[in-house]
């Protein structure tokens, strides 16, 4: 899966990274590389939490779609 990530300098000298398509998914790092590593982990955790919220039914199928 690919997500667009916005990375910008924070007020405290850190890089702040957030994902517009995943509200609330935000992270930071001292360096650009660290911010990217941390936002990847944040995306995985965010998606995992969202998946747990999906109501499960007997006729339900969950599929992945790539755009």
PDB file of N, CA and C in Angstrom:
ATOM      1  N   UNK A   1       0.825  -1.166   0.000  1.00  0.00           N
ATOM      2  CA  UNK A   1       0.000   0.000   0.000  1.00  0.00           C
ATOM      3  C   UNK A   1       0.877   1.240   0.000  1.00  0.00           C
ATOM      4  N   UNK A   2       0.435   2.243  -0.692  1.00  0.00           N
ATOM      5  CA  UNK A   2       1.174   3.499  -0.720  1.00  0.00           C
ATOM      6  C   UNK A   2       0.297   4.614  -0.168  1.00  0.00           C
ATOM      7  N   UNK A   3       0.908   5.493   0.601  1.00  0.00           N
ATOM      8  CA  UNK A   3       0.221   6.643   1.162  1.00  0.00           C
ATOM      9  C   UNK A   3       1.050   7.886   0.908  1.00  0.00           C
ATOM     10  N   UNK A   4       0.387   8.977   0.661  1.00  0.00           N
ATOM     11  CA  UNK A   4       1.086  10.256   0.584  1.00  0.00           C
ATOM     12  C   UNK A   4       1.321  10.734   2.011  1.00  0.00           C
ATOM     13  N   UNK A   5       2.540  11.149   2.294  1.00  0.00           N
ATOM     14  CA  UNK A   5       2.926  11.603   3.626  1.00  0.00           C
ATOM     15  C   UNK A   5       3.439  13.036   3.514  1.00  0.00           C
ATOM     16  N   UNK A   6       2.969  13.889   4.402  1.00  0.00           N
ATOM     17  CA  UNK A   6       3.446  15.267   4.466  1.00  0.00           C
ATOM     18  C   UNK A   6       4.500  15.328   5.563  1.00  0.00           C
ATOM     19  N   UNK A   7       5.662  15.868   5.225  1.00  0.00           N
ATOM     20  CA  UNK A   7       6.734  16.027   6.212  1.00  0.00           C
ATOM     21  C   UNK A   7       7.103  17.502   6.249  1.00  0.00           C
ATOM     22  N   UNK A   8       7.110  18.042   7.454  1.00  0.00           N
ATOM     23  CA  UNK A   8       7.424  19.457   7.601  1.00  0.00           C
ATOM     24  C   UNK A   8       8.231  19.668   8.878  1.00  0.00           C
ATOM     25  N   UNK A   9       9.013  20.723   8.920  1.00  0.00           N
ATOM     26  CA  UNK A   9       9.788  20.990  10.128  1.00  0.00           C
ATOM     27  C   UNK A   9       8.861  21.422  11.264  1.00  0.00           C
ATOM     28  N   UNK A  10       9.093  20.864  12.443  1.00  0.00           N
ATOM     29  CA  UNK A  10       8.327  21.245  13.616  1.00  0.00           C
ATOM     30  C   UNK A  10       8.985  22.405  14.333  1.00  0.00           C
ATOM     31  N   UNK A  11       8.292  22.938  15.301  1.00  0.00           N
ATOM     32  CA  UNK A  11       8.810  24.092  16.039  1.00  0.00           C
ATOM     33  C   UNK A  11      10.027  23.748  16.890  1.00  0.00           C
ATOM     34  N   UNK A  12      10.148  22.478  17.270  1.00  0.00           N
ATOM     35  CA  UNK A  12      11.230  22.078  18.172  1.00  0.00           C
ATOM     36  C   UNK A  12      12.446  21.504  17.448  1.00  0.00           C
ATOM     37  N   UNK A  13      12.508  21.670  16.120  1.00  0.00           N
ATOM     38  CA  UNK A  13      13.651  21.172  15.366  1.00  0.00           C
ATOM     39  C   UNK A  13      13.460  19.762  14.823  1.00  0.00           C
ATOM     40  N   UNK A  14      12.394  19.081  15.231  1.00  0.00           N
ATOM     41  CA  UNK A  14      12.095  17.752  14.717  1.00  0.00           C
ATOM     42  C   UNK A  14      11.350  17.879  13.390  1.00  0.00           C
ATOM     43  N   UNK A  15      11.321  16.780  12.627  1.00  0.00           N
ATOM     44  CA  UNK A  15      10.483  16.695  11.444  1.00  0.00           C
ATOM     45  C   UNK A  15       9.172  16.048  11.854  1.00  0.00           C
ATOM     46  N   UNK A  16       8.070  16.644  11.441  1.00  0.00           N
ATOM     47  CA  UNK A  16       6.743  16.115  11.737  1.00  0.00           C
ATOM     48  C   UNK A  16       6.195  15.491  10.456  1.00  0.00           C
ATOM     49  N   UNK A  17       5.699  14.259  10.569  1.00  0.00           N
ATOM     50  CA  UNK A  17       5.146  13.550   9.411  1.00  0.00           C
ATOM     51  C   UNK A  17       3.706  13.163   9.714  1.00  0.00           C
ATOM     52  N   UNK A  18       2.817  13.384   8.725  1.00  0.00           N
ATOM     53  CA  UNK A  18       1.422  12.998   8.901  1.00  0.00           C
ATOM     54  C   UNK A  18       0.837  12.549   7.572  1.00  0.00           C
ATOM     55  N   UNK A  19      -0.254  11.780   7.666  1.00  0.00           N
ATOM     56  CA  UNK A  19      -0.865  11.157   6.497  1.00  0.00           C
ATOM     57  C   UNK A  19      -2.259  11.758   6.303  1.00  0.00           C
ATOM     58  N   UNK A  20      -2.445  12.590   5.268  1.00  0.00           N
ATOM     59  CA  UNK A  20      -3.747  13.227   5.065  1.00  0.00           C
ATOM     60  C   UNK A  20      -4.916  12.247   4.934  1.00  0.00           C
ATOM     61  N   UNK A  21      -4.681  11.083   4.352  1.00  0.00           N
ATOM     62  CA  UNK A  21      -5.770  10.120   4.150  1.00  0.00           C
ATOM     63  C   UNK A  21      -6.064   9.271   5.391  1.00  0.00           C
ATOM     64  N   UNK A  22      -5.255   9.419   6.439  1.00  0.00           N
ATOM     65  CA  UNK A  22      -5.476   8.695   7.691  1.00  0.00           C
ATOM     66  C   UNK A  22      -5.509   9.707   8.844  1.00  0.00           C
ATOM     67  N   UNK A  23      -6.648  10.345   9.059  1.00  0.00           N
ATOM     68  CA  UNK A  23      -6.727  11.362  10.109  1.00  0.00           C
ATOM     69  C   UNK A  23      -6.221  10.837  11.457  1.00  0.00           C
ATOM     70  N   UNK A  24      -5.370  11.624  12.081  1.00  0.00           N
ATOM     71  CA  UNK A  24      -4.815  11.246  13.372  1.00  0.00           C
ATOM     72  C   UNK A  24      -3.523  10.461  13.289  1.00  0.00           C
ATOM     73  N   UNK A  25      -3.106  10.091  12.083  1.00  0.00           N
ATOM     74  CA  UNK A  25      -1.867   9.332  11.914  1.00  0.00           C
ATOM     75  C   UNK A  25      -0.727  10.332  11.741  1.00  0.00           C
ATOM     76  N   UNK A  26       0.056  10.486  12.811  1.00  0.00           N
ATOM     77  CA  UNK A  26       1.111  11.488  12.831  1.00  0.00           C
ATOM     78  C   UNK A  26       2.306  10.945  13.616  1.00  0.00           C
ATOM     79  N   UNK A  27       3.490  11.383  13.253  1.00  0.00           N
ATOM     80  CA  UNK A  27       4.694  10.974  13.964  1.00  0.00           C
ATOM     81  C   UNK A  27       5.749  12.057  13.773  1.00  0.00           C
ATOM     82  N   UNK A  28       6.932  11.821  14.306  1.00  0.00           N
ATOM     83  CA  UNK A  28       8.012  12.780  14.148  1.00  0.00           C
ATOM     84  C   UNK A  28       9.355  12.075  14.263  1.00  0.00           C
ATOM     85  N   UNK A  29      10.408  12.785  13.956  1.00  0.00           N
ATOM     86  CA  UNK A  29      11.756  12.249  14.087  1.00  0.00           C
ATOM     87  C   UNK A  29      12.770  13.368  14.101  1.00  0.00           C
ATOM     88  N   UNK A  30      13.943  13.088  14.675  1.00  0.00           N
ATOM     89  CA  UNK A  30      15.009  14.094  14.720  1.00  0.00           C
ATOM     90  C   UNK A  30      15.562  14.380  13.327  1.00  0.00           C
ATOM     91  N   UNK A  31      15.546  13.346  12.475  1.00  0.00           N
ATOM     92  CA  UNK A  31      16.021  13.495  11.098  1.00  0.00           C
ATOM     93  C   UNK A  31      14.893  13.114  10.148  1.00  0.00           C
ATOM     94  N   UNK A  32      15.064  13.454   8.884  1.00  0.00           N
ATOM     95  CA  UNK A  32      14.085  13.086   7.877  1.00  0.00           C
ATOM     96  C   UNK A  32      13.933  11.567   7.804  1.00  0.00           C
ATOM     97  N   UNK A  33      15.049  10.862   7.845  1.00  0.00           N
ATOM     98  CA  UNK A  33      15.023   9.398   7.786  1.00  0.00           C
ATOM     99  C   UNK A  33      14.282   8.806   8.976  1.00  0.00           C
ATOM    100  N   UNK A  34      14.522   9.352  10.162  1.00  0.00           N
ATOM    101  CA  UNK A  34      13.846   8.861  11.356  1.00  0.00           C
ATOM    102  C   UNK A  34      12.344   9.156  11.292  1.00  0.00           C
ATOM    103  N   UNK A  35      11.981  10.324  10.784  1.00  0.00           N
ATOM    104  CA  UNK A  35      10.568  10.671  10.637  1.00  0.00           C
ATOM    105  C   UNK A  35       9.871   9.706   9.679  1.00  0.00           C
ATOM    106  N   UNK A  36      10.532   9.354   8.577  1.00  0.00           N
ATOM    107  CA  UNK A  36       9.954   8.401   7.618  1.00  0.00           C
ATOM    108  C   UNK A  36       9.798   7.014   8.239  1.00  0.00           C
ATOM    109  N   UNK A  37      10.801   6.573   8.968  1.00  0.00           N
ATOM    110  CA  UNK A  37      10.734   5.276   9.640  1.00  0.00           C
ATOM    111  C   UNK A  37       9.584   5.265  10.641  1.00  0.00           C
ATOM    112  N   UNK A  38       9.473   6.338  11.413  1.00  0.00           N
ATOM    113  CA  UNK A  38       8.440   6.409  12.439  1.00  0.00           C
ATOM    114  C   UNK A  38       7.037   6.505  11.857  1.00  0.00           C
ATOM    115  N   UNK A  39       6.869   7.226  10.733  1.00  0.00           N
ATOM    116  CA  UNK A  39       5.526   7.347  10.152  1.00  0.00           C
ATOM    117  C   UNK A  39       5.107   6.020   9.520  1.00  0.00           C
ATOM    118  N   UNK A  40       6.061   5.253   8.995  1.00  0.00           N
ATOM    119  CA  UNK A  40       5.713   3.922   8.475  1.00  0.00           C
ATOM    120  C   UNK A  40       5.165   3.044   9.590  1.00  0.00           C
ATOM    121  N   UNK A  41       5.808   3.077  10.741  1.00  0.00           N
ATOM    122  CA  UNK A  41       5.332   2.305  11.890  1.00  0.00           C
ATOM    123  C   UNK A  41       3.962   2.819  12.351  1.00  0.00           C
ATOM    124  N   UNK A  42       3.801   4.139  12.355  1.00  0.00           N
ATOM    125  CA  UNK A  42       2.519   4.726  12.763  1.00  0.00           C
ATOM    126  C   UNK A  42       1.397   4.309  11.816  1.00  0.00           C
ATOM    127  N   UNK A  43       1.687   4.247  10.511  1.00  0.00           N
ATOM    128  CA  UNK A  43       0.685   3.818   9.531  1.00  0.00           C
ATOM    129  C   UNK A  43       0.276   2.376   9.799  1.00  0.00           C
ATOM    130  N   UNK A  44       1.251   1.501  10.024  1.00  0.00           N
ATOM    131  CA  UNK A  44       0.948   0.091  10.308  1.00  0.00           C
ATOM    132  C   UNK A  44       0.070  -0.042  11.544  1.00  0.00           C
ATOM    133  N   UNK A  45       0.405   0.678  12.604  1.00  0.00           N
ATOM    134  CA  UNK A  45      -0.385   0.613  13.834  1.00  0.00           C
ATOM    135  C   UNK A  45      -1.776   1.200  13.634  1.00  0.00           C
ATOM    136  N   UNK A  46      -1.861   2.278  12.889  1.00  0.00           N
ATOM    137  CA  UNK A  46      -3.146   2.930  12.617  1.00  0.00           C
ATOM    138  C   UNK A  46      -4.065   1.983  11.841  1.00  0.00           C
ATOM    139  N   UNK A  47      -3.527   1.358  10.797  1.00  0.00           N
ATOM    140  CA  UNK A  47      -4.321   0.429   9.988  1.00  0.00           C
ATOM    141  C   UNK A  47      -4.749  -0.795  10.790  1.00  0.00           C
ATOM    142  N   UNK A  48      -3.861  -1.278  11.634  1.00  0.00           N
ATOM    143  CA  UNK A  48      -4.183  -2.420  12.487  1.00  0.00           C
ATOM    144  C   UNK A  48      -5.341  -2.082  13.420  1.00  0.00           C
ATOM    145  N   UNK A  49      -5.322  -0.890  13.985  1.00  0.00           N
ATOM    146  CA  UNK A  49      -6.405  -0.464  14.880  1.00  0.00           C
ATOM    147  C   UNK A  49      -7.712  -0.317  14.113  1.00  0.00           C
ATOM    148  N   UNK A  50      -7.649   0.224  12.895  1.00  0.00           N
ATOM    149  CA  UNK A  50      -8.859   0.369  12.084  1.00  0.00           C
ATOM    150  C   UNK A  50      -9.452  -0.987  11.720  1.00  0.00           C
ATOM    151  N   UNK A  51      -8.581  -1.951  11.415  1.00  0.00           N
ATOM    152  CA  UNK A  51      -9.043  -3.287  11.032  1.00  0.00           C
ATOM    153  C   UNK A  51      -9.804  -3.958  12.172  1.00  0.00           C
ATOM    154  N   UNK A  52      -9.380  -3.712  13.397  1.00  0.00           N
ATOM    155  CA  UNK A  52     -10.044  -4.305  14.556  1.00  0.00           C
ATOM    156  C   UNK A  52     -11.446  -3.741  14.759  1.00  0.00           C
ATOM    157  N   UNK A  53     -11.709  -2.542  14.205  1.00  0.00           N
ATOM    158  CA  UNK A  53     -13.009  -1.905  14.362  1.00  0.00           C
ATOM    159  C   UNK A  53     -14.042  -2.387  13.344  1.00  0.00           C
ATOM    160  N   UNK A  54     -13.615  -3.148  12.338  1.00  0.00           N
ATOM    161  CA  UNK A  54     -14.539  -3.620  11.305  1.00  0.00           C
ATOM    162  C   UNK A  54     -15.466  -4.663  11.909  1.00  0.00           C
ATOM    163  N   UNK A  55     -16.797  -4.415  11.837  1.00  0.00           N
ATOM    164  CA  UNK A  55     -17.717  -5.431  12.346  1.00  0.00           C
ATOM    165  C   UNK A  55     -17.615  -6.690  11.486  1.00  0.00           C
ATOM    166  N   UNK A  56     -17.639  -7.822  12.121  1.00  0.00           N
ATOM    167  CA  UNK A  56     -17.476  -9.085  11.400  1.00  0.00           C
ATOM    168  C   UNK A  56     -18.827  -9.790  11.280  1.00  0.00           C
ATOM    169  N   UNK A  57     -19.147 -10.197  10.066  1.00  0.00           N
ATOM    170  CA  UNK A  57     -20.392 -10.911   9.812  1.00  0.00           C
ATOM    171  C   UNK A  57     -20.113 -12.159   8.998  1.00  0.00           C
ATOM    172  N   UNK A  58     -21.024 -13.128   9.011  1.00  0.00           N
ATOM    173  CA  UNK A  58     -20.792 -14.400   8.318  1.00  0.00           C
ATOM    174  C   UNK A  58     -20.685 -14.265   6.800  1.00  0.00           C
ATOM    175  N   UNK A  59     -21.346 -13.287   6.205  1.00  0.00           N
ATOM    176  CA  UNK A  59     -21.315 -13.158   4.749  1.00  0.00           C
ATOM    177  C   UNK A  59     -20.309 -12.100   4.293  1.00  0.00           C
ATOM    178  N   UNK A  60     -19.565 -11.572   5.219  1.00  0.00           N
ATOM    179  CA  UNK A  60     -18.659 -10.476   4.916  1.00  0.00           C
ATOM    180  C   UNK A  60     -17.336 -10.989   4.341  1.00  0.00           C
ATOM    181  N   UNK A  61     -16.841 -10.254   3.344  1.00  0.00           N
ATOM    182  CA  UNK A  61     -15.525 -10.543   2.783  1.00  0.00           C
ATOM    183  C   UNK A  61     -14.712  -9.268   2.860  1.00  0.00           C
ATOM    184  N   UNK A  62     -13.475  -9.397   3.218  1.00  0.00           N
ATOM    185  CA  UNK A  62     -12.563  -8.257   3.240  1.00  0.00           C
ATOM    186  C   UNK A  62     -11.536  -8.487   2.144  1.00  0.00           C
ATOM    187  N   UNK A  63     -11.439  -7.527   1.233  1.00  0.00           N
ATOM    188  CA  UNK A  63     -10.506  -7.630   0.112  1.00  0.00           C
ATOM    189  C   UNK A  63      -9.663  -6.374   0.052  1.00  0.00           C
ATOM    190  N   UNK A  64      -8.526  -6.473  -0.605  1.00  0.00           N
ATOM    191  CA  UNK A  64      -7.663  -5.310  -0.827  1.00  0.00           C
ATOM    192  C   UNK A  64      -7.823  -4.855  -2.254  1.00  0.00           C
ATOM    193  N   UNK A  65      -7.876  -3.548  -2.443  1.00  0.00           N
ATOM    194  CA  UNK A  65      -7.994  -2.952  -3.766  1.00  0.00           C
ATOM    195  C   UNK A  65      -6.868  -1.947  -3.925  1.00  0.00           C
ATOM    196  N   UNK A  66      -6.131  -2.067  -5.010  1.00  0.00           N
ATOM    197  CA  UNK A  66      -5.052  -1.116  -5.280  1.00  0.00           C
ATOM    198  C   UNK A  66      -5.523  -0.138  -6.345  1.00  0.00           C
ATOM    199  N   UNK A  67      -5.288   1.128  -6.101  1.00  0.00           N
ATOM    200  CA  UNK A  67      -5.715   2.169  -7.041  1.00  0.00           C
ATOM    201  C   UNK A  67      -4.502   2.800  -7.669  1.00  0.00           C
TER     202      UNK A  67
END
